[in-house]
Amino acid sequence: MPELDLELAQLSLRNSAKPHWLCKDMRGDQWEYISYPYILGDHVAIKIRVPGDPTSMITADALLLDPEGKQCLCSEAGKDFYLTADYYRERHARLTECPARLDK
């Protein structure tokens, strides 16, 4: 199998993996991109967080996240589940389990 061209992968993701757009990991958890993809060692990395929660930032493998093509939920804040204590308690508990996480 040929070696991954990290710079080409980074360039191809720049259109779909952009700040304040949503993505999902392989388990179906929803995240928010908060950076553009960049090269980190042997990975194309990206910063993600629980949507709307700046305290939950982690570094993830951009190739293991599926862009949803939708903007973040910031405009939905307070309308439903978003920004409730229960939502954040449950999501923070899953931070360490994110399969795309690079900073384990």
N, C-alpha and C. Protein backbone atom coordinates (compact mmCIF):
# COMPACT_ATOMS: atom_id res chain seq x y z
N MET A 1 0.84 -1.17 0.00
CA MET A 1 0.00 0.00 0.00
C MET A 1 0.89 1.24 0.00
N PRO A 2 0.59 2.23 -0.85
CA PRO A 2 1.43 3.42 -0.90
C PRO A 2 1.30 4.26 0.37
N GLU A 3 2.35 5.00 0.65
CA GLU A 3 2.36 5.85 1.84
C GLU A 3 1.45 7.06 1.62
N LEU A 4 0.76 7.48 2.66
CA LEU A 4 -0.16 8.61 2.59
C LEU A 4 0.62 9.90 2.37
N ASP A 5 0.20 10.68 1.39
CA ASP A 5 0.78 12.00 1.16
C ASP A 5 0.06 12.98 2.08
N LEU A 6 0.68 13.31 3.21
CA LEU A 6 0.02 14.12 4.23
C LEU A 6 -0.36 15.50 3.72
N GLU A 7 0.51 16.11 2.93
CA GLU A 7 0.20 17.45 2.44
C GLU A 7 -0.97 17.44 1.46
N LEU A 8 -1.05 16.41 0.63
CA LEU A 8 -2.18 16.30 -0.29
C LEU A 8 -3.48 16.04 0.48
N ALA A 9 -3.41 15.21 1.51
CA ALA A 9 -4.59 14.95 2.34
C ALA A 9 -5.02 16.22 3.05
N GLN A 10 -4.07 16.99 3.55
CA GLN A 10 -4.38 18.25 4.23
C GLN A 10 -5.09 19.20 3.26
N LEU A 11 -4.58 19.33 2.05
CA LEU A 11 -5.20 20.23 1.07
C LEU A 11 -6.60 19.77 0.68
N SER A 12 -6.79 18.46 0.53
CA SER A 12 -8.10 17.96 0.13
C SER A 12 -9.15 18.16 1.23
N LEU A 13 -8.72 18.17 2.48
CA LEU A 13 -9.65 18.36 3.60
C LEU A 13 -9.98 19.83 3.87
N ARG A 14 -9.18 20.75 3.36
CA ARG A 14 -9.39 22.17 3.68
C ARG A 14 -10.77 22.68 3.28
N ASN A 15 -11.40 22.10 2.27
CA ASN A 15 -12.71 22.57 1.85
C ASN A 15 -13.85 22.01 2.71
N SER A 16 -13.64 20.88 3.35
CA SER A 16 -14.72 20.27 4.12
C SER A 16 -14.49 20.32 5.62
N ALA A 17 -13.25 20.40 6.05
CA ALA A 17 -12.92 20.43 7.48
C ALA A 17 -12.49 21.84 7.84
N LYS A 18 -13.47 22.70 8.13
CA LYS A 18 -13.15 24.09 8.44
C LYS A 18 -13.80 24.49 9.76
N PRO A 19 -13.24 25.50 10.41
CA PRO A 19 -13.76 25.90 11.72
C PRO A 19 -15.25 26.20 11.73
N HIS A 20 -15.88 25.79 12.80
CA HIS A 20 -17.30 25.99 13.07
C HIS A 20 -18.20 25.21 12.12
N TRP A 21 -17.70 24.08 11.63
CA TRP A 21 -18.52 23.14 10.87
C TRP A 21 -18.52 21.82 11.64
N LEU A 22 -19.57 21.05 11.49
CA LEU A 22 -19.76 19.83 12.27
C LEU A 22 -19.17 18.61 11.57
N CYS A 23 -18.83 17.61 12.38
CA CYS A 23 -18.35 16.33 11.87
C CYS A 23 -18.77 15.25 12.85
N LYS A 24 -18.61 14.00 12.44
CA LYS A 24 -18.89 12.86 13.32
C LYS A 24 -17.70 11.93 13.31
N ASP A 25 -17.47 11.29 14.47
CA ASP A 25 -16.43 10.27 14.52
C ASP A 25 -17.03 8.92 14.14
N MET A 26 -16.22 7.88 14.19
CA MET A 26 -16.66 6.56 13.74
C MET A 26 -17.74 5.96 14.63
N ARG A 27 -17.90 6.47 15.85
CA ARG A 27 -18.96 5.99 16.75
C ARG A 27 -20.25 6.76 16.57
N GLY A 28 -20.20 7.83 15.77
CA GLY A 28 -21.40 8.63 15.54
C GLY A 28 -21.53 9.83 16.45
N ASP A 29 -20.53 10.08 17.30
CA ASP A 29 -20.56 11.28 18.14
C ASP A 29 -20.31 12.51 17.29
N GLN A 30 -21.04 13.57 17.57
CA GLN A 30 -20.89 14.81 16.81
C GLN A 30 -19.87 15.72 17.47
N TRP A 31 -19.03 16.33 16.64
CA TRP A 31 -17.99 17.25 17.08
C TRP A 31 -18.05 18.49 16.22
N GLU A 32 -17.34 19.51 16.66
CA GLU A 32 -17.22 20.75 15.89
C GLU A 32 -15.75 20.98 15.59
N TYR A 33 -15.43 21.15 14.31
CA TYR A 33 -14.07 21.53 13.95
C TYR A 33 -13.81 22.93 14.49
N ILE A 34 -12.62 23.15 15.05
CA ILE A 34 -12.28 24.51 15.46
C ILE A 34 -10.96 24.96 14.87
N SER A 35 -10.42 24.19 13.95
CA SER A 35 -9.22 24.61 13.23
C SER A 35 -9.29 24.03 11.82
N TYR A 36 -8.39 24.48 10.98
CA TYR A 36 -8.20 23.83 9.69
C TYR A 36 -7.27 22.65 9.92
N PRO A 37 -7.28 21.64 9.04
CA PRO A 37 -6.36 20.51 9.21
C PRO A 37 -4.91 20.95 9.03
N TYR A 38 -4.04 20.32 9.78
CA TYR A 38 -2.61 20.61 9.69
C TYR A 38 -1.84 19.32 9.88
N ILE A 39 -0.57 19.33 9.53
CA ILE A 39 0.26 18.12 9.63
C ILE A 39 0.88 18.07 11.02
N LEU A 40 0.73 16.93 11.67
CA LEU A 40 1.30 16.68 12.99
C LEU A 40 1.96 15.31 12.95
N GLY A 41 3.26 15.29 12.81
CA GLY A 41 3.97 14.01 12.69
C GLY A 41 3.52 13.24 11.48
N ASP A 42 3.00 12.03 11.69
CA ASP A 42 2.52 11.18 10.60
C ASP A 42 1.01 11.26 10.42
N HIS A 43 0.39 12.33 10.88
CA HIS A 43 -1.06 12.46 10.82
C HIS A 43 -1.47 13.79 10.22
N VAL A 44 -2.67 13.81 9.67
CA VAL A 44 -3.32 15.08 9.35
C VAL A 44 -4.21 15.34 10.56
N ALA A 45 -3.84 16.33 11.34
CA ALA A 45 -4.52 16.61 12.61
C ALA A 45 -5.50 17.76 12.44
N ILE A 46 -6.44 17.83 13.38
CA ILE A 46 -7.39 18.94 13.43
C ILE A 46 -7.84 19.08 14.87
N LYS A 47 -8.12 20.30 15.28
CA LYS A 47 -8.66 20.55 16.61
C LYS A 47 -10.17 20.42 16.54
N ILE A 48 -10.76 19.68 17.48
CA ILE A 48 -12.22 19.53 17.55
C ILE A 48 -12.65 19.76 18.99
N ARG A 49 -13.96 19.96 19.16
CA ARG A 49 -14.52 20.12 20.51
C ARG A 49 -15.97 19.67 20.51
N VAL A 50 -16.50 19.48 21.72
CA VAL A 50 -17.93 19.30 21.87
C VAL A 50 -18.54 20.58 21.32
N PRO A 51 -19.52 20.50 20.43
CA PRO A 51 -20.05 21.72 19.82
C PRO A 51 -20.41 22.79 20.84
N GLY A 52 -19.76 23.94 20.68
CA GLY A 52 -20.04 25.09 21.54
C GLY A 52 -19.29 25.14 22.86
N ASP A 53 -18.49 24.13 23.18
CA ASP A 53 -17.82 24.08 24.48
C ASP A 53 -16.31 24.26 24.32
N PRO A 54 -15.78 25.46 24.55
CA PRO A 54 -14.36 25.71 24.35
C PRO A 54 -13.45 24.97 25.33
N THR A 55 -13.99 24.42 26.42
CA THR A 55 -13.16 23.71 27.39
C THR A 55 -12.89 22.27 26.98
N SER A 56 -13.50 21.80 25.90
CA SER A 56 -13.39 20.39 25.53
C SER A 56 -12.48 20.13 24.34
N MET A 57 -11.63 21.06 23.97
CA MET A 57 -10.81 20.91 22.77
C MET A 57 -9.86 19.72 22.85
N ILE A 58 -9.82 18.92 21.77
CA ILE A 58 -8.85 17.84 21.65
C ILE A 58 -8.26 17.86 20.24
N THR A 59 -7.12 17.22 20.09
CA THR A 59 -6.49 17.06 18.78
C THR A 59 -6.90 15.70 18.24
N ALA A 60 -7.39 15.68 17.00
CA ALA A 60 -7.89 14.44 16.42
C ALA A 60 -7.29 14.21 15.04
N ASP A 61 -7.36 12.96 14.59
CA ASP A 61 -6.93 12.59 13.25
C ASP A 61 -8.05 12.98 12.28
N ALA A 62 -7.79 13.95 11.43
CA ALA A 62 -8.81 14.48 10.53
C ALA A 62 -9.34 13.42 9.57
N LEU A 63 -8.53 12.41 9.26
CA LEU A 63 -8.96 11.38 8.33
C LEU A 63 -9.93 10.39 8.95
N LEU A 64 -10.08 10.43 10.28
CA LEU A 64 -11.01 9.54 10.97
C LEU A 64 -12.32 10.24 11.35
N LEU A 65 -12.52 11.44 10.84
CA LEU A 65 -13.74 12.20 11.09
C LEU A 65 -14.47 12.44 9.79
N ASP A 66 -15.78 12.33 9.83
CA ASP A 66 -16.60 12.49 8.64
C ASP A 66 -17.27 13.86 8.66
N PRO A 67 -16.88 14.77 7.74
CA PRO A 67 -17.52 16.10 7.72
C PRO A 67 -19.01 15.97 7.40
N GLU A 68 -19.83 16.73 8.11
CA GLU A 68 -21.27 16.69 7.89
C GLU A 68 -21.76 17.75 6.92
N GLY A 69 -20.92 18.72 6.59
CA GLY A 69 -21.34 19.77 5.66
C GLY A 69 -22.36 20.72 6.25
N LYS A 70 -22.38 20.82 7.60
CA LYS A 70 -23.32 21.72 8.27
C LYS A 70 -22.54 22.62 9.22
N GLN A 71 -23.01 23.85 9.35
CA GLN A 71 -22.38 24.77 10.28
C GLN A 71 -22.67 24.35 11.72
N CYS A 72 -21.86 24.89 12.64
CA CYS A 72 -22.00 24.54 14.05
C CYS A 72 -23.37 24.97 14.58
N LEU A 73 -23.64 24.59 15.79
CA LEU A 73 -24.94 24.83 16.41
C LEU A 73 -24.99 26.10 17.24
N CYS A 74 -24.02 26.98 17.09
CA CYS A 74 -23.96 28.18 17.93
C CYS A 74 -25.26 28.99 17.86
N SER A 75 -25.88 29.06 16.70
CA SER A 75 -27.12 29.82 16.57
C SER A 75 -28.30 29.13 17.27
N GLU A 76 -28.12 27.85 17.61
CA GLU A 76 -29.17 27.09 18.28
C GLU A 76 -29.03 27.11 19.80
N ALA A 77 -28.03 27.79 20.30
CA ALA A 77 -27.73 27.77 21.73
C ALA A 77 -28.97 28.11 22.56
N GLY A 78 -29.26 27.25 23.53
CA GLY A 78 -30.35 27.47 24.45
C GLY A 78 -31.72 27.07 23.93
N LYS A 79 -31.85 26.67 22.67
CA LYS A 79 -33.16 26.35 22.12
C LYS A 79 -33.64 24.95 22.48
N ASP A 80 -32.73 24.03 22.70
CA ASP A 80 -33.13 22.64 22.93
C ASP A 80 -32.17 22.02 23.94
N PHE A 81 -31.43 20.96 23.51
CA PHE A 81 -30.48 20.28 24.39
C PHE A 81 -29.21 21.08 24.55
N TYR A 82 -28.94 21.95 23.61
CA TYR A 82 -27.65 22.63 23.52
C TYR A 82 -27.42 23.57 24.70
N LEU A 83 -26.23 23.52 25.25
CA LEU A 83 -25.81 24.35 26.37
C LEU A 83 -26.52 24.02 27.68
N THR A 84 -26.97 22.79 27.84
CA THR A 84 -27.52 22.36 29.13
C THR A 84 -26.46 21.57 29.89
N ALA A 85 -26.53 21.59 31.20
CA ALA A 85 -25.53 20.91 32.02
C ALA A 85 -25.50 19.41 31.74
N ASP A 86 -26.65 18.78 31.57
CA ASP A 86 -26.68 17.34 31.31
C ASP A 86 -26.00 17.00 29.99
N TYR A 87 -26.22 17.80 28.96
CA TYR A 87 -25.58 17.58 27.66
C TYR A 87 -24.06 17.60 27.80
N TYR A 88 -23.52 18.60 28.50
CA TYR A 88 -22.08 18.72 28.62
C TYR A 88 -21.48 17.65 29.53
N ARG A 89 -22.17 17.27 30.59
CA ARG A 89 -21.66 16.18 31.44
C ARG A 89 -21.52 14.90 30.63
N GLU A 90 -22.54 14.57 29.85
CA GLU A 90 -22.52 13.35 29.04
C GLU A 90 -21.43 13.42 27.97
N ARG A 91 -21.30 14.55 27.30
CA ARG A 91 -20.30 14.68 26.23
C ARG A 91 -18.88 14.69 26.76
N HIS A 92 -18.64 15.35 27.90
CA HIS A 92 -17.29 15.36 28.47
C HIS A 92 -16.86 13.96 28.88
N ALA A 93 -17.79 13.16 29.31
CA ALA A 93 -17.47 11.78 29.68
C ALA A 93 -16.98 10.99 28.47
N ARG A 94 -17.40 11.37 27.26
CA ARG A 94 -17.01 10.66 26.04
C ARG A 94 -15.73 11.19 25.40
N LEU A 95 -15.19 12.31 25.89
CA LEU A 95 -14.01 12.90 25.27
C LEU A 95 -12.84 11.92 25.17
N THR A 96 -12.59 11.19 26.24
CA THR A 96 -11.45 10.27 26.23
C THR A 96 -11.67 9.06 25.34
N GLU A 97 -12.94 8.82 24.93
CA GLU A 97 -13.26 7.66 24.12
C GLU A 97 -13.29 7.96 22.62
N CYS A 98 -13.07 9.19 22.22
CA CYS A 98 -13.14 9.55 20.80
C CYS A 98 -12.11 8.74 20.01
N PRO A 99 -12.54 7.92 19.03
CA PRO A 99 -11.60 7.07 18.31
C PRO A 99 -10.61 7.84 17.43
N ALA A 100 -10.87 9.09 17.13
CA ALA A 100 -9.97 9.88 16.31
C ALA A 100 -8.94 10.66 17.15
N ARG A 101 -9.05 10.58 18.46
CA ARG A 101 -8.19 11.37 19.36
C ARG A 101 -6.72 11.01 19.17
N LEU A 102 -5.87 12.03 19.02
CA LEU A 102 -4.44 11.83 18.86
C LEU A 102 -3.66 12.06 20.16
N ASP A 103 -4.19 12.87 21.06
CA ASP A 103 -3.46 13.21 22.28
C ASP A 103 -3.88 12.34 23.47
N LYS A 104 -3.86 11.02 23.26
CA LYS A 104 -4.26 10.07 24.31
C LYS A 104 -3.16 9.88 25.32
